[in-house]
Structures are given as structure tokens and as C-alpha cells.
Protein backbone atom coordinates (compact mmCIF):
# COMPACT_ATOMS: atom_id res chain seq x y z
CA MET A 1 0.51 -40.70 11.56
CA SER A 2 3.35 -38.42 11.10
CA LEU A 3 2.72 -34.51 10.38
CA SER A 4 6.23 -33.64 8.47
CA PRO A 5 5.47 -32.78 4.93
CA TYR A 6 8.19 -35.17 3.73
CA SER A 7 6.75 -38.50 5.08
CA GLU A 8 5.81 -40.94 2.91
CA LYS A 9 2.54 -41.79 3.06
CA GLU A 10 0.55 -39.08 1.59
CA THR A 11 -1.79 -36.83 4.02
CA THR A 12 -4.67 -34.53 4.03
CA VAL A 13 -3.50 -32.24 6.64
CA ARG A 14 -2.13 -28.51 5.36
CA MET A 15 0.98 -27.64 6.46
CA ALA A 16 1.56 -23.76 7.56
CA GLU A 17 4.77 -22.08 7.87
CA LEU A 18 6.26 -20.66 10.72
CA LYS A 19 9.19 -18.51 10.66
CA VAL A 20 10.78 -18.22 14.38
CA TYR A 21 14.20 -16.68 15.54
CA LEU A 22 15.83 -18.36 18.26
CA SER A 23 19.38 -17.78 20.03
CA GLU A 24 22.29 -19.45 18.13
CA ASP A 25 22.61 -21.55 21.39
CA LEU A 26 18.87 -22.64 21.15
CA ASP A 27 19.30 -23.60 17.72
CA ARG A 28 22.22 -25.39 18.19
CA ARG A 29 20.45 -27.57 20.89
CA PHE A 30 17.33 -28.47 19.17
CA ARG A 31 18.95 -29.26 15.92
CA MET A 32 21.28 -31.89 17.41
CA LEU A 33 18.77 -33.27 19.83
CA ALA A 34 15.71 -33.48 17.41
CA MET A 35 18.30 -35.40 14.48
CA SER A 36 18.82 -37.50 17.30
CA VAL A 37 15.50 -38.30 18.28
CA TYR A 38 13.87 -38.30 14.77
CA GLY A 39 17.16 -39.14 12.80
CA TYR A 40 19.05 -36.71 10.48
CA GLY A 41 16.92 -37.16 7.33
CA ARG A 42 14.62 -34.59 5.42
CA GLY A 43 11.80 -33.39 7.77
CA SER A 44 13.36 -34.42 10.80
CA LEU A 45 13.07 -30.29 12.48
CA SER A 46 9.75 -30.42 11.33
CA GLU A 47 8.78 -33.57 13.36
CA ALA A 48 10.77 -32.26 16.54
CA ALA A 49 9.26 -28.97 15.94
CA VAL A 50 5.10 -30.39 15.77
CA ASP A 51 6.29 -32.74 18.94
CA ALA A 52 7.52 -29.25 20.72
CA LEU A 53 4.49 -27.11 20.36
CA THR A 54 2.06 -29.52 20.45
CA LYS A 55 3.49 -30.48 24.18
CA TRP A 56 3.62 -26.31 24.60
CA CYS A 57 -0.03 -26.01 23.50
CA GLU A 58 -1.20 -28.97 25.67
CA GLY A 59 0.59 -27.60 28.78
CA HIS A 60 -0.63 -23.90 28.56
CA GLU A 61 -4.84 -25.23 27.64
CA ALA A 62 -4.46 -27.56 30.83
CA SER A 63 -2.73 -24.64 32.56
CA LYS A 64 -5.53 -22.15 31.37
CA LEU A 65 -8.78 -24.56 32.39
CA ASP A 66 -7.12 -24.50 36.25
CA ARG A 67 -7.00 -20.33 36.46
CA PRO A 68 -9.70 -18.02 36.01
CA PRO A 69 -9.42 -16.53 32.67
CA ARG A 70 -7.76 -13.21 32.59
CA GLU A 71 -9.74 -10.17 32.02
CA ALA A 72 -9.53 -9.25 28.10
CA LEU A 73 -8.39 -5.93 27.05
CA SER A 74 -11.19 -3.82 25.48
CA HIS A 75 -9.31 -2.47 22.34
CA SER A 76 -6.84 -3.55 20.19
CA ASN A 77 -3.25 -2.70 20.99
CA SER A 78 -3.09 -1.68 17.45
CA ASP A 79 -4.74 2.06 18.06
CA PRO A 80 -3.03 4.40 19.87
CA VAL A 81 -6.05 5.99 20.92
CA SER A 82 -7.78 3.36 22.60
CA ARG A 83 -4.62 2.66 24.01
CA ALA A 84 -3.86 6.11 25.40
CA GLU A 85 -7.88 5.67 26.74
CA GLU A 86 -6.66 2.81 28.80
CA ARG A 87 -4.13 4.65 30.06
CA PRO A 88 -5.08 8.31 31.36
CA ASP A 89 -1.86 8.80 33.62
CA ALA A 90 0.14 8.55 30.55
CA ILE A 91 -1.09 11.44 28.28
CA SER A 92 1.05 14.65 28.29
CA SER A 93 -0.54 17.67 30.13
CA GLY A 94 0.32 19.42 26.64
CA THR A 95 3.35 21.19 28.19
CA LYS A 96 6.96 21.60 26.79
CA GLU A 97 8.49 20.37 29.18
CA ASN A 98 6.62 17.57 29.88
CA SER A 99 6.29 16.42 26.58
CA GLY A 100 9.54 15.03 25.84
CA SER A 101 9.67 15.96 22.83
CA SER A 102 11.46 18.68 21.04
CA LEU A 103 8.71 19.12 18.46
CA PRO A 104 6.45 22.27 19.70
CA VAL A 105 3.04 21.15 21.31
CA SER A 106 0.09 22.89 19.76
């Protein structure tokens, strides 16, 4: 069963859009190889991307099972206070010469 949104048969698989940024060289290589493998028709890049991402996930999932899990961060990376608490050595002492800023430190 093809996961391409442009396949002839209708599927019930919901498709998501993923925008990625690639170097021009990698983009050119991927497009040329995808079209040579999957053809020059509509959906060939999507099929190649699905194939590549599936293999990447399978490889990383398999290697994840082989090694112990990393200790999860206790706080969200989006919370600057929590990040500072996790790195007490990175907190400024509050003196102007150590602050790295020209703004007054209160």
C-alpha cells in the first residue's frame, strides 16, 4: 500500500505535512535519486521521503532498544528559570563585570 497522497487507490491514512530545510547539494541528490527510483511522476518525492524517514526511525528505534535510556530532563527547555536551576554554575553573580551586559544589574 502506497502512502503517497497521490496514489490511484484511495487510502484511509491521514497525511501530515513536514517542512524540512536541506542543503542545496542534499536536495539535488535526494530529488535525482528519488525520481530515478520512484519515477518522475507526481508523488515520487513523497514516497522517497516516507521510505527514508521510515528507515531512519526503524534504525533509531532499534538502537534505542540496545542501549539504556538517557536520563530525561526534569524540566522543559522552554522554561528559562528551570534551565538556570539545572545549571547553577551558569548563573551570574550579579556584579557588573561578570554580567556580560552593559545594562545595570539590580
